[in-house]
Protein backbone atom coordinates (compact mmCIF):
# COMPACT_ATOMS: atom_id res chain seq x y z
CA UNK A 1 100.13 97.85 79.05
CA UNK A 2 97.30 96.57 79.96
CA UNK A 3 94.61 98.89 81.97
CA UNK A 4 91.91 97.39 84.22
CA UNK A 5 89.15 98.34 86.01
CA UNK A 6 88.44 96.10 89.59
CA UNK A 7 86.48 96.63 92.01
CA UNK A 8 86.88 96.60 95.45
CA UNK A 9 87.52 92.53 96.80
CA UNK A 10 88.05 92.03 93.15
CA UNK A 11 91.24 90.17 91.50
CA UNK A 12 93.68 89.98 88.79
CA UNK A 13 94.96 86.37 88.17
CA UNK A 14 98.95 86.32 86.85
CA UNK A 15 99.80 83.06 85.60
CA UNK A 16 97.54 80.47 87.77
CA UNK A 17 100.53 81.73 90.69
CA UNK A 18 99.85 84.95 91.13
CA UNK A 19 96.69 87.15 92.69
CA UNK A 20 96.32 90.26 93.03
CA UNK A 21 93.05 91.87 94.90
CA UNK A 22 91.89 95.46 95.55
CA UNK A 23 91.57 95.45 98.96
CA UNK A 24 90.91 99.11 99.69
CA UNK A 25 90.11 101.77 97.72
CA UNK A 26 89.75 105.93 98.27
CA UNK A 27 90.08 108.93 95.74
CA UNK A 28 94.06 108.78 96.18
CA UNK A 29 95.40 105.41 96.55
CA UNK A 30 94.67 101.91 95.72
CA UNK A 31 95.36 99.04 98.57
CA UNK A 32 96.60 95.61 96.73
CA UNK A 33 96.57 92.50 98.53
CA UNK A 34 99.32 90.30 96.23
CA UNK A 35 99.29 86.46 96.60
CA UNK A 36 102.41 84.97 95.49
CA UNK A 37 104.87 81.76 95.43
CA UNK A 38 106.95 82.83 97.93
CA UNK A 39 110.14 82.52 96.34
CA UNK A 40 108.80 85.34 94.17
CA UNK A 41 110.21 89.16 95.14
CA UNK A 42 107.55 91.92 95.02
CA UNK A 43 108.57 94.90 95.89
CA UNK A 44 107.26 98.60 95.56
CA UNK A 45 109.41 99.77 92.00
CA UNK A 46 110.53 102.94 93.88
CA UNK A 47 112.43 100.42 96.17
CA UNK A 48 113.54 97.97 93.74
CA UNK A 49 114.82 100.58 91.70
CA UNK A 50 117.58 100.99 94.34
CA UNK A 51 117.90 97.34 94.89
CA UNK A 52 117.54 96.13 91.60
CA UNK A 53 121.37 95.24 91.42
CA UNK A 54 121.00 92.90 94.75
CA UNK A 55 117.48 91.23 93.87
CA UNK A 56 117.18 88.68 90.76
CA UNK A 57 115.40 89.48 88.41
CA UNK A 58 111.30 88.58 88.23
CA UNK A 59 111.83 86.83 84.56
CA UNK A 60 114.75 84.89 85.93
CA UNK A 61 112.47 83.77 89.02
CA UNK A 62 109.58 82.66 86.73
CA UNK A 63 111.60 81.23 83.38
CA UNK A 64 113.30 79.03 86.54
CA UNK A 65 110.11 77.99 88.03
CA UNK A 66 108.73 77.30 84.57
CA UNK A 67 111.76 74.82 83.56
CA UNK A 68 111.60 73.68 87.24
CA UNK A 69 107.52 72.34 86.60
CA UNK A 70 107.95 71.27 82.97
CA UNK A 71 111.20 69.23 84.64
CA UNK A 72 108.59 67.90 87.09
CA UNK A 73 105.96 67.38 84.74
CA UNK A 74 108.57 64.94 82.44
CA UNK A 75 109.48 62.99 85.74
CA UNK A 76 105.84 62.12 86.21
CA UNK A 77 105.68 61.33 82.61
CA UNK A 78 108.29 58.45 82.91
CA UNK A 79 107.10 57.19 86.29
CA UNK A 80 104.08 56.19 84.89
């Protein structure tokens, strides 16, 4: 597990598509703003654990997105 220390308004990037910003922080909670593609479901862990049989896995969506990006890049190279 990677542990990072961030101040309010500082971000963490995951790949180039996902940005997580600390929007507020108190001694009991951190408030996070998450900017991600619409196709990527984002859930609190406790909700995900209840509904994980209904929601496609993040890994499956991530790899499908990567596969599609590679295909688009291949098509663009072929058109050039």
